[in-house]
PDB file of all heavy atoms in Angstrom:
ATOM      1  N   GLN A   1      -7.615  28.164 -66.825  1.00  0.00           N
ATOM      2  CA  GLN A   1      -7.505  26.859 -67.481  1.00  0.00           C
ATOM      3  C   GLN A   1      -7.183  25.767 -66.464  1.00  0.00           C
ATOM      4  O   GLN A   1      -6.588  26.036 -65.409  1.00  0.00           O
ATOM      5  CB  GLN A   1      -6.416  26.902 -68.553  1.00  0.00           C
ATOM      6  CG  GLN A   1      -6.800  27.726 -69.771  1.00  0.00           C
ATOM      7  CD  GLN A   1      -5.776  27.592 -70.881  1.00  0.00           C
ATOM      8  OE1 GLN A   1      -4.606  27.326 -70.623  1.00  0.00           O
ATOM      9  NE2 GLN A   1      -6.212  27.787 -72.112  1.00  0.00           N
ATOM     10  N   ALA A   2      -7.567  24.569 -66.794  1.00  0.00           N
ATOM     11  CA  ALA A   2      -7.241  23.432 -65.939  1.00  0.00           C
ATOM     12  C   ALA A   2      -5.740  23.372 -65.702  1.00  0.00           C
ATOM     13  O   ALA A   2      -4.941  23.585 -66.633  1.00  0.00           O
ATOM     14  CB  ALA A   2      -7.732  22.140 -66.569  1.00  0.00           C
ATOM     15  N   GLY A   3      -5.363  23.106 -64.461  1.00  0.00           N
ATOM     16  CA  GLY A   3      -3.968  23.085 -64.082  1.00  0.00           C
ATOM     17  C   GLY A   3      -3.462  24.421 -63.552  1.00  0.00           C
ATOM     18  O   GLY A   3      -2.355  24.493 -63.004  1.00  0.00           O
ATOM     19  N   GLY A   4      -4.256  25.446 -63.721  1.00  0.00           N
ATOM     20  CA  GLY A   4      -3.864  26.779 -63.279  1.00  0.00           C
ATOM     21  C   GLY A   4      -4.169  27.018 -61.816  1.00  0.00           C
ATOM     22  O   GLY A   4      -4.587  26.117 -61.083  1.00  0.00           O
ATOM     23  N   SER A   5      -3.960  28.269 -61.406  1.00  0.00           N
ATOM     24  CA  SER A   5      -4.129  28.654 -60.000  1.00  0.00           C
ATOM     25  C   SER A   5      -4.984  29.907 -59.887  1.00  0.00           C
ATOM     26  O   SER A   5      -5.002  30.749 -60.798  1.00  0.00           O
ATOM     27  CB  SER A   5      -2.767  28.926 -59.358  1.00  0.00           C
ATOM     28  OG  SER A   5      -1.948  27.768 -59.369  1.00  0.00           O
ATOM     29  N   LEU A   6      -5.660  30.006 -58.767  1.00  0.00           N
ATOM     30  CA  LEU A   6      -6.405  31.206 -58.412  1.00  0.00           C
ATOM     31  C   LEU A   6      -6.304  31.393 -56.909  1.00  0.00           C
ATOM     32  O   LEU A   6      -6.100  30.418 -56.167  1.00  0.00           O
ATOM     33  CB  LEU A   6      -7.886  31.083 -58.789  1.00  0.00           C
ATOM     34  CG  LEU A   6      -8.298  31.310 -60.239  1.00  0.00           C
ATOM     35  CD1 LEU A   6      -9.778  31.009 -60.403  1.00  0.00           C
ATOM     36  CD2 LEU A   6      -7.967  32.722 -60.693  1.00  0.00           C
ATOM     37  N   ARG A   7      -6.492  32.631 -56.483  1.00  0.00           N
ATOM     38  CA  ARG A   7      -6.496  32.930 -55.053  1.00  0.00           C
ATOM     39  C   ARG A   7      -7.759  33.707 -54.711  1.00  0.00           C
ATOM     40  O   ARG A   7      -8.055  34.723 -55.334  1.00  0.00           O
ATOM     41  CB  ARG A   7      -5.249  33.740 -54.668  1.00  0.00           C
ATOM     42  CG  ARG A   7      -5.104  33.983 -53.180  1.00  0.00           C
ATOM     43  CD  ARG A   7      -3.793  34.714 -52.895  1.00  0.00           C
ATOM     44  NE  ARG A   7      -3.577  34.952 -51.484  1.00  0.00           N
ATOM     45  CZ  ARG A   7      -3.006  34.079 -50.665  1.00  0.00           C
ATOM     46  NH1 ARG A   7      -2.571  32.913 -51.135  1.00  0.00           N
ATOM     47  NH2 ARG A   7      -2.838  34.373 -49.379  1.00  0.00           N
ATOM     48  N   LEU A   8      -8.476  33.207 -53.722  1.00  0.00           N
ATOM     49  CA  LEU A   8      -9.652  33.895 -53.212  1.00  0.00           C
ATOM     50  C   LEU A   8      -9.311  34.543 -51.878  1.00  0.00           C
ATOM     51  O   LEU A   8      -8.564  33.971 -51.079  1.00  0.00           O
ATOM     52  CB  LEU A   8     -10.810  32.912 -53.015  1.00  0.00           C
ATOM     53  CG  LEU A   8     -11.230  32.069 -54.209  1.00  0.00           C
ATOM     54  CD1 LEU A   8     -12.406  31.174 -53.839  1.00  0.00           C
ATOM     55  CD2 LEU A   8     -11.578  32.931 -55.398  1.00  0.00           C
ATOM     56  N   SER A   9      -9.870  35.715 -51.654  1.00  0.00           N
ATOM     57  CA  SER A   9      -9.674  36.402 -50.389  1.00  0.00           C
ATOM     58  C   SER A   9     -11.016  36.867 -49.848  1.00  0.00           C
ATOM     59  O   SER A   9     -11.947  37.139 -50.605  1.00  0.00           O
ATOM     60  CB  SER A   9      -8.745  37.605 -50.565  1.00  0.00           C
ATOM     61  OG  SER A   9      -7.450  37.182 -50.934  1.00  0.00           O
ATOM     62  N   CYS A  10     -11.087  36.956 -48.539  1.00  0.00           N
ATOM     63  CA  CYS A  10     -12.316  37.390 -47.877  1.00  0.00           C
ATOM     64  C   CYS A  10     -11.937  38.243 -46.678  1.00  0.00           C
ATOM     65  O   CYS A  10     -11.111  37.823 -45.854  1.00  0.00           O
ATOM     66  CB  CYS A  10     -13.120  36.172 -47.440  1.00  0.00           C
ATOM     67  SG  CYS A  10     -14.621  36.529 -46.507  1.00  0.00           S
ATOM     68  N   ALA A  11     -12.508  39.425 -46.604  1.00  0.00           N
ATOM     69  CA  ALA A  11     -12.252  40.332 -45.488  1.00  0.00           C
ATOM     70  C   ALA A  11     -13.505  40.439 -44.630  1.00  0.00           C
ATOM     71  O   ALA A  11     -14.597  40.676 -45.157  1.00  0.00           O
ATOM     72  CB  ALA A  11     -11.851  41.703 -46.013  1.00  0.00           C
ATOM     73  N   ALA A  12     -13.327  40.238 -43.343  1.00  0.00           N
ATOM     74  CA  ALA A  12     -14.438  40.328 -42.407  1.00  0.00           C
ATOM     75  C   ALA A  12     -14.382  41.654 -41.668  1.00  0.00           C
ATOM     76  O   ALA A  12     -13.306  42.152 -41.336  1.00  0.00           O
ATOM     77  CB  ALA A  12     -14.398  39.170 -41.426  1.00  0.00           C
ATOM     78  N   SER A  13     -15.547  42.205 -41.404  1.00  0.00           N
ATOM     79  CA  SER A  13     -15.634  43.440 -40.634  1.00  0.00           C
ATOM     80  C   SER A  13     -16.857  43.364 -39.729  1.00  0.00           C
ATOM     81  O   SER A  13     -17.764  42.573 -39.951  1.00  0.00           O
ATOM     82  CB  SER A  13     -15.724  44.660 -41.556  1.00  0.00           C
ATOM     83  OG  SER A  13     -16.873  44.574 -42.377  1.00  0.00           O
ATOM     84  N   GLY A  14     -16.845  44.210 -38.698  1.00  0.00           N
ATOM     85  CA  GLY A  14     -17.970  44.230 -37.774  1.00  0.00           C
ATOM     86  C   GLY A  14     -17.612  43.598 -36.443  1.00  0.00           C
ATOM     87  O   GLY A  14     -16.466  43.656 -36.003  1.00  0.00           O
ATOM     88  N   SER A  15     -18.589  42.979 -35.797  1.00  0.00           N
ATOM     89  CA  SER A  15     -18.431  42.407 -34.459  1.00  0.00           C
ATOM     90  C   SER A  15     -17.864  40.989 -34.557  1.00  0.00           C
ATOM     91  O   SER A  15     -18.606  40.007 -34.510  1.00  0.00           O
ATOM     92  CB  SER A  15     -19.775  42.405 -33.729  1.00  0.00           C
ATOM     93  OG  SER A  15     -20.299  43.717 -33.636  1.00  0.00           O
ATOM     94  N   ILE A  16     -16.566  40.906 -34.659  1.00  0.00           N
ATOM     95  CA  ILE A  16     -15.886  39.627 -34.860  1.00  0.00           C
ATOM     96  C   ILE A  16     -15.464  39.067 -33.516  1.00  0.00           C
ATOM     97  O   ILE A  16     -14.743  39.709 -32.756  1.00  0.00           O
ATOM     98  CB  ILE A  16     -14.673  39.807 -35.778  1.00  0.00           C
ATOM     99  CG1 ILE A  16     -15.152  40.298 -37.157  1.00  0.00           C
ATOM    100  CG2 ILE A  16     -13.912  38.491 -35.917  1.00  0.00           C
ATOM    101  CD1 ILE A  16     -14.044  40.769 -38.043  1.00  0.00           C
ATOM    102  N   ALA A  17     -15.904  37.853 -33.229  1.00  0.00           N
ATOM    103  CA  ALA A  17     -15.554  37.202 -31.973  1.00  0.00           C
ATOM    104  C   ALA A  17     -14.111  36.728 -32.011  1.00  0.00           C
ATOM    105  O   ALA A  17     -13.574  36.398 -33.072  1.00  0.00           O
ATOM    106  CB  ALA A  17     -16.483  36.015 -31.730  1.00  0.00           C
ATOM    107  N   SER A  18     -13.494  36.673 -30.846  1.00  0.00           N
ATOM    108  CA  SER A  18     -12.090  36.260 -30.792  1.00  0.00           C
ATOM    109  C   SER A  18     -11.929  34.794 -31.184  1.00  0.00           C
ATOM    110  O   SER A  18     -10.914  34.393 -31.731  1.00  0.00           O
ATOM    111  CB  SER A  18     -11.515  36.492 -29.396  1.00  0.00           C
ATOM    112  OG  SER A  18     -12.287  35.793 -28.433  1.00  0.00           O
ATOM    113  N   ARG A  19     -12.933  33.987 -30.890  1.00  0.00           N
ATOM    114  CA  ARG A  19     -12.899  32.585 -31.284  1.00  0.00           C
ATOM    115  C   ARG A  19     -13.924  32.380 -32.389  1.00  0.00           C
ATOM    116  O   ARG A  19     -15.119  32.600 -32.201  1.00  0.00           O
ATOM    117  CB  ARG A  19     -13.212  31.665 -30.105  1.00  0.00           C
ATOM    118  CG  ARG A  19     -12.175  31.739 -28.996  1.00  0.00           C
ATOM    119  CD  ARG A  19     -12.509  30.807 -27.846  1.00  0.00           C
ATOM    120  NE  ARG A  19     -12.422  29.409 -28.264  1.00  0.00           N
ATOM    121  CZ  ARG A  19     -12.675  28.393 -27.452  1.00  0.00           C
ATOM    122  NH1 ARG A  19     -13.051  28.612 -26.204  1.00  0.00           N
ATOM    123  NH2 ARG A  19     -12.583  27.161 -27.894  1.00  0.00           N
ATOM    124  N   ASN A  20     -13.439  31.997 -33.560  1.00  0.00           N
ATOM    125  CA  ASN A  20     -14.334  31.811 -34.695  1.00  0.00           C
ATOM    126  C   ASN A  20     -13.727  30.838 -35.697  1.00  0.00           C
ATOM    127  O   ASN A  20     -12.559  30.457 -35.576  1.00  0.00           O
ATOM    128  CB  ASN A  20     -14.620  33.152 -35.370  1.00  0.00           C
ATOM    129  CG  ASN A  20     -13.376  33.835 -35.895  1.00  0.00           C
ATOM    130  OD1 ASN A  20     -12.772  33.388 -36.860  1.00  0.00           O
ATOM    131  ND2 ASN A  20     -12.984  34.938 -35.263  1.00  0.00           N
ATOM    132  N   VAL A  21     -14.537  30.458 -36.612  1.00  0.00           N
ATOM    133  CA  VAL A  21     -14.094  29.608 -37.714  1.00  0.00           C
ATOM    134  C   VAL A  21     -14.476  30.315 -39.016  1.00  0.00           C
ATOM    135  O   VAL A  21     -15.633  30.732 -39.182  1.00  0.00           O
ATOM    136  CB  VAL A  21     -14.757  28.223 -37.682  1.00  0.00           C
ATOM    137  CG1 VAL A  21     -14.264  27.370 -38.864  1.00  0.00           C
ATOM    138  CG2 VAL A  21     -14.470  27.524 -36.366  1.00  0.00           C
ATOM    139  N   VAL A  22     -13.532  30.463 -39.888  1.00  0.00           N
ATOM    140  CA  VAL A  22     -13.806  31.034 -41.208  1.00  0.00           C
ATOM    141  C   VAL A  22     -13.428  30.007 -42.256  1.00  0.00           C
ATOM    142  O   VAL A  22     -12.545  29.170 -42.037  1.00  0.00           O
ATOM    143  CB  VAL A  22     -13.049  32.355 -41.440  1.00  0.00           C
ATOM    144  CG1 VAL A  22     -13.627  33.454 -40.570  1.00  0.00           C
ATOM    145  CG2 VAL A  22     -11.562  32.194 -41.167  1.00  0.00           C
ATOM    146  N   GLY A  23     -14.097  30.064 -43.355  1.00  0.00           N
ATOM    147  CA  GLY A  23     -13.808  29.065 -44.371  1.00  0.00           C
ATOM    148  C   GLY A  23     -14.425  29.375 -45.708  1.00  0.00           C
ATOM    149  O   GLY A  23     -14.986  30.466 -45.911  1.00  0.00           O
ATOM    150  N   TRP A  24     -14.292  28.419 -46.584  1.00  0.00           N
ATOM    151  CA  TRP A  24     -14.812  28.529 -47.940  1.00  0.00           C
ATOM    152  C   TRP A  24     -15.679  27.306 -48.237  1.00  0.00           C
ATOM    153  O   TRP A  24     -15.275  26.163 -47.962  1.00  0.00           O
ATOM    154  CB  TRP A  24     -13.674  28.616 -48.946  1.00  0.00           C
ATOM    155  CG  TRP A  24     -12.898  29.886 -48.837  1.00  0.00           C
ATOM    156  CD1 TRP A  24     -11.775  30.105 -48.093  1.00  0.00           C
ATOM    157  CD2 TRP A  24     -13.198  31.120 -49.492  1.00  0.00           C
ATOM    158  NE1 TRP A  24     -11.371  31.408 -48.238  1.00  0.00           N
ATOM    159  CE2 TRP A  24     -12.221  32.049 -49.095  1.00  0.00           C
ATOM    160  CE3 TRP A  24     -14.199  31.535 -50.370  1.00  0.00           C
ATOM    161  CZ2 TRP A  24     -12.203  33.375 -49.543  1.00  0.00           C
ATOM    162  CZ3 TRP A  24     -14.176  32.844 -50.831  1.00  0.00           C
ATOM    163  CH2 TRP A  24     -13.201  33.743 -50.420  1.00  0.00           C
ATOM    164  N   TYR A  25     -16.821  27.579 -48.797  1.00  0.00           N
ATOM    165  CA  TYR A  25     -17.720  26.552 -49.300  1.00  0.00           C
ATOM    166  C   TYR A  25     -17.896  26.800 -50.795  1.00  0.00           C
ATOM    167  O   TYR A  25     -17.595  27.884 -51.295  1.00  0.00           O
ATOM    168  CB  TYR A  25     -19.079  26.639 -48.605  1.00  0.00           C
ATOM    169  CG  TYR A  25     -19.082  26.146 -47.182  1.00  0.00           C
ATOM    170  CD1 TYR A  25     -18.459  26.867 -46.170  1.00  0.00           C
ATOM    171  CD2 TYR A  25     -19.728  24.965 -46.836  1.00  0.00           C
ATOM    172  CE1 TYR A  25     -18.455  26.418 -44.866  1.00  0.00           C
ATOM    173  CE2 TYR A  25     -19.747  24.510 -45.531  1.00  0.00           C
ATOM    174  CZ  TYR A  25     -19.115  25.246 -44.552  1.00  0.00           C
ATOM    175  OH  TYR A  25     -19.127  24.792 -43.256  1.00  0.00           O
ATOM    176  N   ARG A  26     -18.402  25.807 -51.492  1.00  0.00           N
ATOM    177  CA  ARG A  26     -18.694  26.001 -52.907  1.00  0.00           C
ATOM    178  C   ARG A  26     -19.975  25.280 -53.283  1.00  0.00           C
ATOM    179  O   ARG A  26     -20.372  24.314 -52.648  1.00  0.00           O
ATOM    180  CB  ARG A  26     -17.530  25.515 -53.778  1.00  0.00           C
ATOM    181  CG  ARG A  26     -17.276  24.010 -53.739  1.00  0.00           C
ATOM    182  CD  ARG A  26     -16.008  23.689 -54.506  1.00  0.00           C
ATOM    183  NE  ARG A  26     -15.729  22.250 -54.506  1.00  0.00           N
ATOM    184  CZ  ARG A  26     -14.606  21.709 -54.981  1.00  0.00           C
ATOM    185  NH1 ARG A  26     -13.651  22.477 -55.493  1.00  0.00           N
ATOM    186  NH2 ARG A  26     -14.451  20.389 -54.944  1.00  0.00           N
ATOM    187  N   GLN A  27     -20.573  25.798 -54.323  1.00  0.00           N
ATOM    188  CA  GLN A  27     -21.808  25.191 -54.823  1.00  0.00           C
ATOM    189  C   GLN A  27     -21.772  25.193 -56.343  1.00  0.00           C
ATOM    190  O   GLN A  27     -21.723  26.263 -56.969  1.00  0.00           O
ATOM    191  CB  GLN A  27     -23.033  25.948 -54.322  1.00  0.00           C
ATOM    192  CG  GLN A  27     -24.345  25.275 -54.662  1.00  0.00           C
ATOM    193  CD  GLN A  27     -25.510  25.848 -53.886  1.00  0.00           C
ATOM    194  OE1 GLN A  27     -25.445  26.949 -53.351  1.00  0.00           O
ATOM    195  NE2 GLN A  27     -26.591  25.082 -53.807  1.00  0.00           N
ATOM    196  N   ALA A  28     -21.779  24.001 -56.910  1.00  0.00           N
ATOM    197  CA  ALA A  28     -21.828  23.842 -58.355  1.00  0.00           C
ATOM    198  C   ALA A  28     -23.292  23.743 -58.790  1.00  0.00           C
ATOM    199  O   ALA A  28     -24.162  23.382 -57.981  1.00  0.00           O
ATOM    200  CB  ALA A  28     -21.056  22.595 -58.770  1.00  0.00           C
ATOM    201  N   PRO A  29     -23.586  24.033 -60.040  1.00  0.00           N
ATOM    202  CA  PRO A  29     -24.977  23.959 -60.524  1.00  0.00           C
ATOM    203  C   PRO A  29     -25.585  22.591 -60.273  1.00  0.00           C
ATOM    204  O   PRO A  29     -24.987  21.561 -60.596  1.00  0.00           O
ATOM    205  CB  PRO A  29     -24.833  24.244 -62.018  1.00  0.00           C
ATOM    206  CG  PRO A  29     -23.602  25.059 -62.134  1.00  0.00           C
ATOM    207  CD  PRO A  29     -22.672  24.537 -61.086  1.00  0.00           C
ATOM    208  N   GLY A  30     -26.762  22.578 -59.677  1.00  0.00           N
ATOM    209  CA  GLY A  30     -27.465  21.328 -59.423  1.00  0.00           C
ATOM    210  C   GLY A  30     -26.943  20.525 -58.252  1.00  0.00           C
ATOM    211  O   GLY A  30     -27.423  19.406 -58.018  1.00  0.00           O
ATOM    212  N   LYS A  31     -25.988  21.081 -57.529  1.00  0.00           N
ATOM    213  CA  LYS A  31     -25.409  20.356 -56.389  1.00  0.00           C
ATOM    214  C   LYS A  31     -25.586  21.151 -55.102  1.00  0.00           C
ATOM    215  O   LYS A  31     -25.819  22.356 -55.119  1.00  0.00           O
ATOM    216  CB  LYS A  31     -23.935  20.070 -56.636  1.00  0.00           C
ATOM    217  CG  LYS A  31     -23.683  19.123 -57.794  1.00  0.00           C
ATOM    218  CD  LYS A  31     -22.213  18.739 -57.874  1.00  0.00           C
ATOM    219  CE  LYS A  31     -21.963  17.733 -58.978  1.00  0.00           C
ATOM    220  NZ  LYS A  31     -20.524  17.332 -59.043  1.00  0.00           N
ATOM    221  N   GLN A  32     -25.431  20.464 -53.988  1.00  0.00           N
ATOM    222  CA  GLN A  32     -25.522  21.128 -52.694  1.00  0.00           C
ATOM    223  C   GLN A  32     -24.231  21.870 -52.385  1.00  0.00           C
ATOM    224  O   GLN A  32     -23.149  21.527 -52.889  1.00  0.00           O
ATOM    225  CB  GLN A  32     -25.803  20.091 -51.601  1.00  0.00           C
ATOM    226  CG  GLN A  32     -27.199  19.491 -51.652  1.00  0.00           C
ATOM    227  CD  GLN A  32     -27.494  18.623 -50.445  1.00  0.00           C
ATOM    228  OE1 GLN A  32     -26.608  18.010 -49.873  1.00  0.00           O
ATOM    229  NE2 GLN A  32     -28.756  18.575 -50.056  1.00  0.00           N
ATOM    230  N   ARG A  33     -24.364  22.877 -51.547  1.00  0.00           N
ATOM    231  CA  ARG A  33     -23.187  23.589 -51.091  1.00  0.00           C
ATOM    232  C   ARG A  33     -22.347  22.648 -50.230  1.00  0.00           C
ATOM    233  O   ARG A  33     -22.865  21.911 -49.390  1.00  0.00           O
ATOM    234  CB  ARG A  33     -23.602  24.820 -50.283  1.00  0.00           C
ATOM    235  CG  ARG A  33     -22.467  25.765 -49.960  1.00  0.00           C
ATOM    236  CD  ARG A  33     -22.976  27.047 -49.319  1.00  0.00           C
ATOM    237  NE  ARG A  33     -23.858  27.790 -50.203  1.00  0.00           N
ATOM    238  CZ  ARG A  33     -24.306  29.019 -49.927  1.00  0.00           C
ATOM    239  NH1 ARG A  33     -23.936  29.622 -48.803  1.00  0.00           N
ATOM    240  NH2 ARG A  33     -25.124  29.632 -50.762  1.00  0.00           N
TER     241      ARG A  33
END
């Protein structure tokens, strides 16, 4: 519900470089990411 909270998590595996940028993007219907 509006006003509430959620937590997203993401686990990376494989050939991970020591210097990197990780993040979150979103895409709503009919809109760009």
